[in-house]
Amino acid sequence: MKKITLAILIILSMQSCKDNTQNKNVTKEKPISDLSIYNLPSQWTNQDGKNIELKSLKGNVLVMVMIYTSCKAACPRLVADMRSIESKLKPETKKNIKLILVSIDPETDTPQRLKSFAIENKMNQEPWIFLRSTEENTREFAAVLAVNYKKITPIDFSHSNIISVFNPEGELIYQQEGLGVNNDETVNKINQEAEKIR
């Protein structure tokens, strides 16, 4: 009788392990929701000249801002705000976070220019990413983020000052608007989302 009971226990424990493995796979292969930026088919180029699709960033908490590198007014402040956010992130969750600056001036902001800008601002390492794409893709992405921008001179743009936070599924969960505003709530949202990633 003891042998039968032991055999049943072993079979049940093996079945339990198998079920857990299947559940993990289901979680990883979760379908992309209709609200996810990962539905966008656009191609982007990073500061290293590598072409990527947004969905390659899936599984990370994304913190995004739209800027242009020749900006002398709002953008330096937005860059400072992003650096402030980075300085408050929990070290243990930072590996699950990407801080992304998207150019609204792809004509000027070549990969080489983005790389130089990243180095100048000491943002040329993880978790920083700089992206550029075509004018059409940039406009489409700006609309998703509710960022308005307009060329006012050959070298100047007026634009919204919004930092957006996306969960690992690419869904917008929070936005910080303005320059030099208190970012505690933004940082809390980022850390909370990043802690959920295992």
N, C-alpha and C. Protein backbone atom coordinates (compact mmCIF):
# COMPACT_ATOMS: atom_id res chain seq x y z
N MET A 1 0.83 -1.20 0.00
CA MET A 1 0.00 0.00 0.00
C MET A 1 0.87 1.25 0.00
N LYS A 2 1.93 1.20 0.83
CA LYS A 2 2.84 2.35 0.90
C LYS A 2 3.46 2.63 -0.46
N LYS A 3 3.82 1.55 -1.19
CA LYS A 3 4.45 1.72 -2.50
C LYS A 3 3.49 2.40 -3.47
N ILE A 4 2.23 2.02 -3.45
CA ILE A 4 1.22 2.60 -4.35
C ILE A 4 1.04 4.08 -4.02
N THR A 5 0.94 4.40 -2.73
CA THR A 5 0.77 5.79 -2.30
C THR A 5 1.96 6.63 -2.74
N LEU A 6 3.17 6.08 -2.56
CA LEU A 6 4.39 6.78 -2.95
C LEU A 6 4.41 7.01 -4.46
N ALA A 7 4.03 5.99 -5.21
CA ALA A 7 3.99 6.11 -6.68
C ALA A 7 3.01 7.20 -7.11
N ILE A 8 1.85 7.25 -6.48
CA ILE A 8 0.83 8.27 -6.80
C ILE A 8 1.36 9.66 -6.49
N LEU A 9 2.03 9.79 -5.35
CA LEU A 9 2.59 11.09 -4.96
C LEU A 9 3.64 11.57 -5.97
N ILE A 10 4.49 10.64 -6.42
CA ILE A 10 5.53 10.98 -7.41
C ILE A 10 4.88 11.43 -8.71
N ILE A 11 3.88 10.70 -9.16
CA ILE A 11 3.18 11.04 -10.42
C ILE A 11 2.51 12.42 -10.30
N LEU A 12 1.86 12.65 -9.16
CA LEU A 12 1.19 13.94 -8.95
C LEU A 12 2.18 15.09 -8.93
N SER A 13 3.33 14.87 -8.26
CA SER A 13 4.33 15.95 -8.19
C SER A 13 4.92 16.24 -9.57
N MET A 14 5.10 15.17 -10.38
CA MET A 14 5.61 15.37 -11.75
C MET A 14 4.59 16.13 -12.58
N GLN A 15 3.32 15.78 -12.41
CA GLN A 15 2.24 16.47 -13.14
C GLN A 15 2.19 17.94 -12.73
N SER A 16 2.36 18.19 -11.44
CA SER A 16 2.34 19.56 -10.92
C SER A 16 3.46 20.39 -11.55
N CYS A 17 4.67 19.81 -11.65
CA CYS A 17 5.80 20.51 -12.29
C CYS A 17 5.50 20.80 -13.75
N LYS A 18 4.91 19.82 -14.42
CA LYS A 18 4.59 19.97 -15.84
C LYS A 18 3.59 21.11 -16.03
N ASP A 19 2.57 21.17 -15.17
CA ASP A 19 1.56 22.23 -15.25
C ASP A 19 2.19 23.60 -15.07
N ASN A 20 3.11 23.72 -14.10
CA ASN A 20 3.78 25.00 -13.84
C ASN A 20 4.56 25.45 -15.06
N THR A 21 5.25 24.51 -15.71
CA THR A 21 6.05 24.83 -16.91
C THR A 21 5.13 25.35 -18.01
N GLN A 22 4.00 24.69 -18.18
CA GLN A 22 3.06 25.12 -19.21
C GLN A 22 2.53 26.52 -18.91
N ASN A 23 2.24 26.81 -17.66
CA ASN A 23 1.74 28.13 -17.27
C ASN A 23 2.76 29.22 -17.57
N LYS A 24 4.04 28.93 -17.30
CA LYS A 24 5.10 29.91 -17.57
C LYS A 24 5.16 30.24 -19.05
N ASN A 25 5.04 29.20 -19.89
CA ASN A 25 5.08 29.42 -21.33
C ASN A 25 3.89 30.24 -21.80
N VAL A 26 2.74 30.02 -21.22
CA VAL A 26 1.55 30.78 -21.58
C VAL A 26 1.76 32.25 -21.26
N THR A 27 2.35 32.54 -20.10
CA THR A 27 2.61 33.93 -19.69
C THR A 27 3.54 34.62 -20.68
N LYS A 28 4.62 33.93 -21.08
CA LYS A 28 5.59 34.53 -21.99
C LYS A 28 5.00 34.79 -23.36
N GLU A 29 4.11 33.92 -23.81
CA GLU A 29 3.54 34.03 -25.15
C GLU A 29 2.21 34.78 -25.14
N LYS A 30 2.02 35.61 -24.14
CA LYS A 30 0.78 36.39 -24.03
C LYS A 30 0.60 37.23 -25.29
N PRO A 31 -0.60 37.18 -25.90
CA PRO A 31 -0.79 37.95 -27.14
C PRO A 31 -0.71 39.46 -26.89
N ILE A 32 -0.32 40.19 -27.91
CA ILE A 32 -0.22 41.65 -27.81
C ILE A 32 -1.63 42.24 -27.83
N SER A 33 -1.92 43.12 -26.88
CA SER A 33 -3.26 43.71 -26.79
C SER A 33 -3.44 44.79 -27.86
N ASP A 34 -4.68 45.15 -28.10
CA ASP A 34 -4.99 46.18 -29.10
C ASP A 34 -4.41 47.54 -28.72
N LEU A 35 -4.13 47.74 -27.42
CA LEU A 35 -3.64 49.03 -26.94
C LEU A 35 -2.11 49.12 -26.92
N SER A 36 -1.45 48.09 -27.40
CA SER A 36 0.01 48.03 -27.31
C SER A 36 0.70 48.74 -28.48
N ILE A 37 1.79 49.44 -28.16
CA ILE A 37 2.60 50.06 -29.22
C ILE A 37 3.31 49.00 -30.05
N TYR A 38 3.34 47.76 -29.57
CA TYR A 38 4.01 46.69 -30.30
C TYR A 38 3.22 46.25 -31.54
N ASN A 39 2.02 46.81 -31.71
CA ASN A 39 1.26 46.58 -32.93
C ASN A 39 1.77 47.44 -34.08
N LEU A 40 2.53 48.50 -33.75
CA LEU A 40 3.04 49.38 -34.79
C LEU A 40 4.12 48.65 -35.59
N PRO A 41 3.99 48.60 -36.91
CA PRO A 41 4.97 47.86 -37.72
C PRO A 41 6.22 48.66 -38.06
N SER A 42 6.29 49.89 -37.58
CA SER A 42 7.37 50.79 -37.99
C SER A 42 8.76 50.28 -37.63
N GLN A 43 9.73 50.62 -38.49
CA GLN A 43 11.14 50.30 -38.27
C GLN A 43 11.83 51.53 -37.71
N TRP A 44 12.73 51.31 -36.76
CA TRP A 44 13.47 52.40 -36.13
C TRP A 44 14.96 52.10 -36.19
N THR A 45 15.77 53.15 -36.10
CA THR A 45 17.22 52.98 -36.06
C THR A 45 17.72 53.57 -34.75
N ASN A 46 18.59 52.83 -34.06
CA ASN A 46 19.11 53.35 -32.78
C ASN A 46 20.42 54.11 -33.00
N GLN A 47 21.00 54.57 -31.90
CA GLN A 47 22.22 55.39 -31.97
C GLN A 47 23.43 54.61 -32.49
N ASP A 48 23.32 53.29 -32.51
CA ASP A 48 24.41 52.47 -33.03
C ASP A 48 24.19 52.09 -34.50
N GLY A 49 23.14 52.65 -35.10
CA GLY A 49 22.85 52.37 -36.50
C GLY A 49 22.14 51.04 -36.72
N LYS A 50 21.67 50.40 -35.64
CA LYS A 50 20.98 49.11 -35.78
C LYS A 50 19.48 49.36 -35.99
N ASN A 51 18.90 48.61 -36.93
CA ASN A 51 17.46 48.72 -37.19
C ASN A 51 16.71 47.82 -36.22
N ILE A 52 15.67 48.37 -35.62
CA ILE A 52 14.86 47.57 -34.68
C ILE A 52 13.37 47.86 -34.90
N GLU A 53 12.55 46.94 -34.45
CA GLU A 53 11.11 47.17 -34.35
C GLU A 53 10.81 47.37 -32.88
N LEU A 54 9.78 48.13 -32.59
CA LEU A 54 9.44 48.40 -31.20
C LEU A 54 9.19 47.11 -30.41
N LYS A 55 8.60 46.11 -31.09
CA LYS A 55 8.26 44.88 -30.36
C LYS A 55 9.48 44.14 -29.84
N SER A 56 10.68 44.49 -30.33
CA SER A 56 11.90 43.87 -29.80
C SER A 56 12.17 44.33 -28.37
N LEU A 57 11.47 45.38 -27.93
CA LEU A 57 11.64 45.90 -26.56
C LEU A 57 10.63 45.29 -25.59
N LYS A 58 9.76 44.42 -26.10
CA LYS A 58 8.72 43.80 -25.28
C LYS A 58 9.33 43.11 -24.06
N GLY A 59 8.63 43.23 -22.93
CA GLY A 59 9.12 42.60 -21.71
C GLY A 59 9.83 43.56 -20.79
N ASN A 60 10.06 44.79 -21.27
CA ASN A 60 10.68 45.84 -20.45
C ASN A 60 9.66 46.93 -20.15
N VAL A 61 9.88 47.64 -19.07
CA VAL A 61 9.13 48.87 -18.82
C VAL A 61 9.83 49.95 -19.65
N LEU A 62 9.07 50.66 -20.47
CA LEU A 62 9.65 51.69 -21.33
C LEU A 62 9.28 53.08 -20.80
N VAL A 63 10.28 53.93 -20.74
CA VAL A 63 10.07 55.33 -20.36
C VAL A 63 10.52 56.15 -21.56
N MET A 64 9.58 56.86 -22.19
CA MET A 64 9.88 57.50 -23.48
C MET A 64 9.62 59.00 -23.45
N VAL A 65 10.47 59.70 -24.20
CA VAL A 65 10.28 61.14 -24.40
C VAL A 65 10.67 61.45 -25.84
N MET A 66 9.99 62.43 -26.44
CA MET A 66 10.32 62.85 -27.81
C MET A 66 11.05 64.19 -27.75
N ILE A 67 12.23 64.23 -28.36
CA ILE A 67 13.08 65.42 -28.34
C ILE A 67 13.73 65.60 -29.71
N TYR A 68 14.55 66.63 -29.86
CA TYR A 68 15.48 66.71 -31.01
C TYR A 68 16.77 67.29 -30.49
N THR A 69 17.88 66.79 -31.01
CA THR A 69 19.18 67.06 -30.38
C THR A 69 19.68 68.49 -30.55
N SER A 70 19.18 69.22 -31.56
CA SER A 70 19.64 70.61 -31.75
C SER A 70 18.80 71.61 -30.94
N CYS A 71 17.83 71.12 -30.19
CA CYS A 71 16.96 71.97 -29.37
C CYS A 71 17.76 72.64 -28.26
N LYS A 72 17.51 73.92 -28.07
CA LYS A 72 18.22 74.68 -27.03
C LYS A 72 17.28 75.11 -25.90
N ALA A 73 16.00 74.84 -26.05
CA ALA A 73 15.03 75.32 -25.05
C ALA A 73 14.53 74.19 -24.15
N ALA A 74 13.43 73.53 -24.56
CA ALA A 74 12.79 72.53 -23.69
C ALA A 74 13.54 71.22 -23.60
N CYS A 75 14.17 70.79 -24.69
CA CYS A 75 14.77 69.45 -24.71
C CYS A 75 15.86 69.22 -23.66
N PRO A 76 16.78 70.18 -23.47
CA PRO A 76 17.76 69.96 -22.40
C PRO A 76 17.10 69.73 -21.04
N ARG A 77 15.97 70.39 -20.82
CA ARG A 77 15.22 70.21 -19.56
C ARG A 77 14.60 68.83 -19.51
N LEU A 78 14.06 68.37 -20.65
CA LEU A 78 13.47 67.02 -20.71
C LEU A 78 14.54 65.95 -20.49
N VAL A 79 15.72 66.18 -21.07
CA VAL A 79 16.85 65.25 -20.86
C VAL A 79 17.21 65.21 -19.38
N ALA A 80 17.25 66.38 -18.75
CA ALA A 80 17.54 66.45 -17.30
C ALA A 80 16.47 65.73 -16.50
N ASP A 81 15.21 65.86 -16.92
CA ASP A 81 14.11 65.16 -16.23
C ASP A 81 14.26 63.65 -16.36
N MET A 82 14.66 63.18 -17.53
CA MET A 82 14.88 61.74 -17.73
C MET A 82 16.04 61.25 -16.87
N ARG A 83 17.09 62.05 -16.79
CA ARG A 83 18.24 61.67 -15.94
C ARG A 83 17.85 61.63 -14.46
N SER A 84 16.99 62.57 -14.08
CA SER A 84 16.50 62.60 -12.70
C SER A 84 15.71 61.33 -12.38
N ILE A 85 14.87 60.93 -13.34
CA ILE A 85 14.09 59.69 -13.17
C ILE A 85 15.04 58.50 -13.03
N GLU A 86 16.04 58.44 -13.90
CA GLU A 86 17.01 57.32 -13.85
C GLU A 86 17.68 57.25 -12.48
N SER A 87 18.04 58.40 -11.93
CA SER A 87 18.77 58.43 -10.66
C SER A 87 17.94 57.90 -9.49
N LYS A 88 16.61 57.88 -9.66
CA LYS A 88 15.72 57.43 -8.57
C LYS A 88 15.21 56.00 -8.76
N LEU A 89 15.60 55.35 -9.85
CA LEU A 89 15.14 53.98 -10.08
C LEU A 89 15.84 53.02 -9.15
N LYS A 90 15.13 51.98 -8.73
CA LYS A 90 15.73 50.98 -7.86
C LYS A 90 16.76 50.19 -8.64
N PRO A 91 17.98 50.03 -8.11
CA PRO A 91 19.03 49.30 -8.83
C PRO A 91 18.61 47.89 -9.24
N GLU A 92 17.82 47.22 -8.38
CA GLU A 92 17.45 45.83 -8.68
C GLU A 92 16.43 45.72 -9.81
N THR A 93 15.72 46.80 -10.13
CA THR A 93 14.73 46.73 -11.21
C THR A 93 15.22 47.40 -12.50
N LYS A 94 16.34 48.10 -12.42
CA LYS A 94 16.83 48.87 -13.57
C LYS A 94 17.07 48.01 -14.81
N LYS A 95 17.43 46.76 -14.59
CA LYS A 95 17.70 45.87 -15.73
C LYS A 95 16.44 45.58 -16.54
N ASN A 96 15.27 45.87 -15.97
CA ASN A 96 13.99 45.63 -16.66
C ASN A 96 13.40 46.91 -17.25
N ILE A 97 14.20 47.97 -17.30
CA ILE A 97 13.71 49.28 -17.74
C ILE A 97 14.56 49.80 -18.90
N LYS A 98 13.90 50.41 -19.89
CA LYS A 98 14.60 51.07 -20.99
C LYS A 98 14.17 52.54 -21.00
N LEU A 99 15.15 53.42 -21.02
CA LEU A 99 14.90 54.87 -21.09
C LEU A 99 15.16 55.29 -22.53
N ILE A 100 14.12 55.74 -23.21
CA ILE A 100 14.19 55.92 -24.66
C ILE A 100 13.90 57.37 -25.06
N LEU A 101 14.80 57.91 -25.86
CA LEU A 101 14.61 59.25 -26.41
C LEU A 101 14.38 59.11 -27.91
N VAL A 102 13.23 59.58 -28.37
CA VAL A 102 12.83 59.44 -29.76
C VAL A 102 12.94 60.79 -30.44
N SER A 103 13.65 60.85 -31.56
CA SER A 103 13.86 62.11 -32.26
C SER A 103 12.63 62.51 -33.08
N ILE A 104 12.26 63.81 -32.99
CA ILE A 104 11.21 64.35 -33.85
C ILE A 104 11.82 65.02 -35.08
N ASP A 105 13.15 64.96 -35.18
CA ASP A 105 13.85 65.58 -36.31
C ASP A 105 14.80 64.55 -36.95
N PRO A 106 14.23 63.51 -37.60
CA PRO A 106 15.08 62.44 -38.13
C PRO A 106 16.04 62.91 -39.23
N GLU A 107 15.70 64.01 -39.87
CA GLU A 107 16.59 64.53 -40.94
C GLU A 107 17.94 64.94 -40.36
N THR A 108 17.90 65.66 -39.24
CA THR A 108 19.13 66.11 -38.58
C THR A 108 19.72 65.03 -37.68
N ASP A 109 18.84 64.34 -36.97
CA ASP A 109 19.29 63.37 -35.97
C ASP A 109 19.60 62.01 -36.61
N THR A 110 20.72 61.96 -37.28
CA THR A 110 21.22 60.70 -37.85
C THR A 110 21.69 59.81 -36.69
N PRO A 111 21.90 58.52 -36.94
CA PRO A 111 22.45 57.67 -35.87
C PRO A 111 23.76 58.23 -35.30
N GLN A 112 24.60 58.79 -36.18
CA GLN A 112 25.88 59.35 -35.72
C GLN A 112 25.64 60.53 -34.77
N ARG A 113 24.68 61.39 -35.14
CA ARG A 113 24.37 62.55 -34.30
C ARG A 113 23.79 62.08 -32.95
N LEU A 114 22.91 61.09 -33.00
CA LEU A 114 22.32 60.56 -31.76
C LEU A 114 23.41 59.96 -30.86
N LYS A 115 24.36 59.27 -31.48
CA LYS A 115 25.46 58.65 -30.72
C LYS A 115 26.30 59.74 -30.04
N SER A 116 26.62 60.80 -30.79
CA SER A 116 27.40 61.91 -30.23
C SER A 116 26.65 62.56 -29.07
N PHE A 117 25.35 62.75 -29.26
CA PHE A 117 24.51 63.36 -28.23
C PHE A 117 24.50 62.48 -26.98
N ALA A 118 24.37 61.18 -27.18
CA ALA A 118 24.37 60.23 -26.05
C ALA A 118 25.68 60.31 -25.28
N ILE A 119 26.80 60.37 -26.00
CA ILE A 119 28.12 60.45 -25.35
C ILE A 119 28.28 61.78 -24.61
N GLU A 120 27.89 62.87 -25.28
CA GLU A 120 27.99 64.22 -24.66
C GLU A 120 27.22 64.27 -23.35
N ASN A 121 26.07 63.60 -23.31
CA ASN A 121 25.20 63.65 -22.13
C ASN A 121 25.38 62.46 -21.19
N LYS A 122 26.45 61.68 -21.42
CA LYS A 122 26.74 60.49 -20.58
C LYS A 122 25.53 59.55 -20.51
N MET A 123 24.93 59.32 -21.69
CA MET A 123 23.76 58.43 -21.79
C MET A 123 24.06 57.36 -22.85
N ASN A 124 25.32 56.98 -22.96
CA ASN A 124 25.73 56.04 -24.01
C ASN A 124 25.90 54.61 -23.49
N GLN A 125 25.09 54.25 -22.49
CA GLN A 125 25.12 52.90 -21.95
C GLN A 125 23.70 52.51 -21.53
N GLU A 126 23.53 51.24 -21.14
CA GLU A 126 22.22 50.78 -20.64
C GLU A 126 21.80 51.66 -19.47
N PRO A 127 20.54 52.00 -19.30
CA PRO A 127 19.38 51.54 -20.07
C PRO A 127 18.93 52.52 -21.17
N TRP A 128 19.85 53.39 -21.63
CA TRP A 128 19.49 54.45 -22.59
C TRP A 128 19.44 53.94 -24.02
N ILE A 129 18.40 54.36 -24.74
CA ILE A 129 18.27 54.06 -26.17
C ILE A 129 17.80 55.33 -26.87
N PHE A 130 18.42 55.64 -27.99
CA PHE A 130 17.99 56.76 -28.84
C PHE A 130 17.44 56.18 -30.14
N LEU A 131 16.29 56.68 -30.58
CA LEU A 131 15.66 56.14 -31.78
C LEU A 131 15.28 57.24 -32.77
N ARG A 132 15.37 56.89 -34.04
CA ARG A 132 14.88 57.77 -35.11
C ARG A 132 14.22 56.88 -36.16
N SER A 133 13.33 57.49 -36.95
CA SER A 133 12.68 56.75 -38.03
C SER A 133 12.32 57.73 -39.14
N THR A 134 11.40 57.34 -40.00
CA THR A 134 10.96 58.25 -41.05
C THR A 134 10.03 59.30 -40.45
N GLU A 135 9.80 60.36 -41.20
CA GLU A 135 8.87 61.40 -40.75
C GLU A 135 7.48 60.81 -40.49
N GLU A 136 7.04 59.94 -41.38
CA GLU A 136 5.71 59.31 -41.26
C GLU A 136 5.60 58.47 -39.98
N ASN A 137 6.60 57.63 -39.74
CA ASN A 137 6.59 56.79 -38.54
C ASN A 137 6.66 57.63 -37.27
N THR A 138 7.45 58.71 -37.33
CA THR A 138 7.60 59.59 -36.17
C THR A 138 6.28 60.28 -35.85
N ARG A 139 5.58 60.75 -36.89
CA ARG A 139 4.26 61.39 -36.70
C ARG A 139 3.26 60.42 -36.10
N GLU A 140 3.26 59.19 -36.62
CA GLU A 140 2.34 58.17 -36.13
C GLU A 140 2.61 57.88 -34.65
N PHE A 141 3.89 57.75 -34.31
CA PHE A 141 4.25 57.45 -32.92
C PHE A 141 3.92 58.61 -32.00
N ALA A 142 4.16 59.83 -32.46
CA ALA A 142 3.83 61.02 -31.67
C ALA A 142 2.33 61.06 -31.37
N ALA A 143 1.52 60.67 -32.34
CA ALA A 143 0.05 60.65 -32.14
C ALA A 143 -0.33 59.66 -31.05
N VAL A 144 0.35 58.51 -31.01
CA VAL A 144 0.10 57.50 -29.98
C VAL A 144 0.42 58.06 -28.59
N LEU A 145 1.49 58.84 -28.50
CA LEU A 145 1.92 59.42 -27.22
C LEU A 145 1.20 60.72 -26.88
N ALA A 146 0.35 61.19 -27.80
CA ALA A 146 -0.33 62.49 -27.64
C ALA A 146 0.68 63.63 -27.58
N VAL A 147 1.78 63.47 -28.31
CA VAL A 147 2.79 64.52 -28.40
C VAL A 147 2.56 65.30 -29.70
N ASN A 148 2.36 66.60 -29.56
CA ASN A 148 2.22 67.47 -30.73
C ASN A 148 3.55 68.14 -31.00
N TYR A 149 3.93 68.19 -32.27
CA TYR A 149 5.13 68.94 -32.61
C TYR A 149 4.97 69.57 -33.99
N LYS A 150 5.65 70.68 -34.17
CA LYS A 150 5.52 71.44 -35.42
C LYS A 150 6.83 72.15 -35.71
N LYS A 151 7.27 72.08 -36.96
CA LYS A 151 8.49 72.78 -37.37
C LYS A 151 8.16 74.26 -37.49
N ILE A 152 8.89 75.11 -36.76
CA ILE A 152 8.60 76.54 -36.81
C ILE A 152 9.68 77.33 -37.57
N THR A 153 10.88 76.76 -37.66
CA THR A 153 11.94 77.31 -38.51
C THR A 153 12.69 76.10 -39.06
N PRO A 154 13.62 76.29 -39.99
CA PRO A 154 14.36 75.11 -40.49
C PRO A 154 15.08 74.31 -39.40
N ILE A 155 15.36 74.94 -38.26
CA ILE A 155 16.09 74.21 -37.21
C ILE A 155 15.35 74.13 -35.87
N ASP A 156 14.13 74.66 -35.82
CA ASP A 156 13.40 74.69 -34.55
C ASP A 156 12.01 74.06 -34.66
N PHE A 157 11.62 73.39 -33.56
CA PHE A 157 10.30 72.78 -33.46
C PHE A 157 9.63 73.27 -32.18
N SER A 158 8.32 73.43 -32.22
CA SER A 158 7.58 73.55 -30.96
C SER A 158 7.02 72.16 -30.70
N HIS A 159 6.99 71.74 -29.43
CA HIS A 159 6.55 70.37 -29.14
C HIS A 159 6.05 70.24 -27.71
N SER A 160 5.23 69.19 -27.51
CA SER A 160 4.74 68.87 -26.17
C SER A 160 5.88 68.34 -25.31
N ASN A 161 5.77 68.56 -24.01
CA ASN A 161 6.78 68.08 -23.06
C ASN A 161 6.17 66.98 -22.20
N ILE A 162 6.19 65.77 -22.74
CA ILE A 162 5.53 64.64 -22.09
C ILE A 162 6.50 63.46 -21.98
N ILE A 163 6.58 62.89 -20.80
CA ILE A 163 7.33 61.64 -20.59
C ILE A 163 6.29 60.54 -20.37
N SER A 164 6.39 59.47 -21.17
CA SER A 164 5.39 58.40 -21.15
C SER A 164 5.99 57.11 -20.60
N VAL A 165 5.18 56.38 -19.83
CA VAL A 165 5.61 55.10 -19.25
C VAL A 165 4.72 53.99 -19.82
N PHE A 166 5.37 52.94 -20.33
CA PHE A 166 4.67 51.78 -20.88
C PHE A 166 4.99 50.54 -20.07
N ASN A 167 3.98 49.69 -19.87
CA ASN A 167 4.21 48.42 -19.16
C ASN A 167 4.90 47.43 -20.10
N PRO A 168 5.31 46.25 -19.61
CA PRO A 168 6.05 45.29 -20.45
C PRO A 168 5.29 44.81 -21.69
N GLU A 169 3.96 45.00 -21.69
CA GLU A 169 3.16 44.61 -22.85
C GLU A 169 3.04 45.74 -23.87
N GLY A 170 3.68 46.90 -23.55
CA GLY A 170 3.65 48.02 -24.48
C GLY A 170 2.42 48.89 -24.38
N GLU A 171 1.72 48.80 -23.24
CA GLU A 171 0.52 49.63 -23.03
C GLU A 171 0.88 50.86 -22.21
N LEU A 172 0.38 52.01 -22.65
CA LEU A 172 0.63 53.26 -21.94
C LEU A 172 -0.06 53.24 -20.59
N ILE A 173 0.72 53.46 -19.51
CA ILE A 173 0.11 53.40 -18.17
C ILE A 173 0.22 54.72 -17.41
N TYR A 174 1.09 55.62 -17.87
CA TYR A 174 1.25 56.88 -17.13
C TYR A 174 1.97 57.90 -17.99
N GLN A 175 1.61 59.18 -17.79
CA GLN A 175 2.32 60.27 -18.47
C GLN A 175 2.59 61.41 -17.50
N GLN A 176 3.80 61.93 -17.61
CA GLN A 176 4.22 63.11 -16.83
C GLN A 176 4.32 64.27 -17.81
N GLU A 177 3.62 65.35 -17.52
CA GLU A 177 3.61 66.48 -18.44
C GLU A 177 4.24 67.70 -17.78
N GLY A 178 5.02 68.44 -18.57
CA GLY A 178 5.65 69.65 -18.07
C GLY A 178 7.15 69.48 -17.93
N LEU A 179 7.80 70.57 -17.58
CA LEU A 179 9.27 70.58 -17.43
C LEU A 179 9.63 70.78 -15.97
N GLY A 180 10.57 69.98 -15.49
CA GLY A 180 11.04 70.14 -14.11
C GLY A 180 9.99 69.89 -13.06
N VAL A 181 8.97 69.08 -13.40
CA VAL A 181 7.90 68.81 -12.43
C VAL A 181 8.34 67.71 -11.45
N ASN A 182 7.62 67.58 -10.36
CA ASN A 182 7.91 66.52 -9.39
C ASN A 182 7.68 65.16 -10.07
N ASN A 183 8.69 64.31 -10.05
CA ASN A 183 8.58 63.03 -10.76
C ASN A 183 8.41 61.82 -9.85
N ASP A 184 8.09 62.04 -8.59
CA ASP A 184 7.96 60.92 -7.65
C ASP A 184 6.92 59.89 -8.11
N GLU A 185 5.78 60.37 -8.58
CA GLU A 185 4.71 59.47 -9.03
C GLU A 185 5.17 58.67 -10.25
N THR A 186 5.88 59.34 -11.17
CA THR A 186 6.41 58.67 -12.36
C THR A 186 7.37 57.55 -11.95
N VAL A 187 8.29 57.87 -11.06
CA VAL A 187 9.29 56.90 -10.60
C VAL A 187 8.61 55.72 -9.90
N ASN A 188 7.60 56.00 -9.08
CA ASN A 188 6.85 54.93 -8.39
C ASN A 188 6.21 53.98 -9.39
N LYS A 189 5.58 54.55 -10.41
CA LYS A 189 4.91 53.73 -11.44
C LYS A 189 5.93 52.83 -12.15
N ILE A 190 7.07 53.42 -12.51
CA ILE A 190 8.11 52.66 -13.22
C ILE A 190 8.62 51.52 -12.34
N ASN A 191 8.96 51.83 -11.10
CA ASN A 191 9.49 50.81 -10.18
C ASN A 191 8.47 49.70 -9.92
N GLN A 192 7.20 50.09 -9.74
CA GLN A 192 6.15 49.09 -9.49
C GLN A 192 6.01 48.12 -10.66
N GLU A 193 6.00 48.67 -11.88
CA GLU A 193 5.87 47.82 -13.07
C GLU A 193 7.10 46.93 -13.23
N ALA A 194 8.28 47.49 -13.01
CA ALA A 194 9.52 46.72 -13.18
C ALA A 194 9.62 45.59 -12.17
N GLU A 195 9.07 45.81 -10.97
CA GLU A 195 9.13 44.78 -9.90
C GLU A 195 8.27 43.57 -10.27
N LYS A 196 7.28 43.76 -11.14
CA LYS A 196 6.39 42.65 -11.53
C LYS A 196 7.09 41.69 -12.48
N ILE A 197 8.18 42.16 -13.11
CA ILE A 197 8.89 41.33 -14.09
C ILE A 197 9.81 40.37 -13.34
N ARG A 198 9.67 39.11 -13.66
CA ARG A 198 10.54 38.11 -13.01
C ARG A 198 11.29 37.32 -14.06
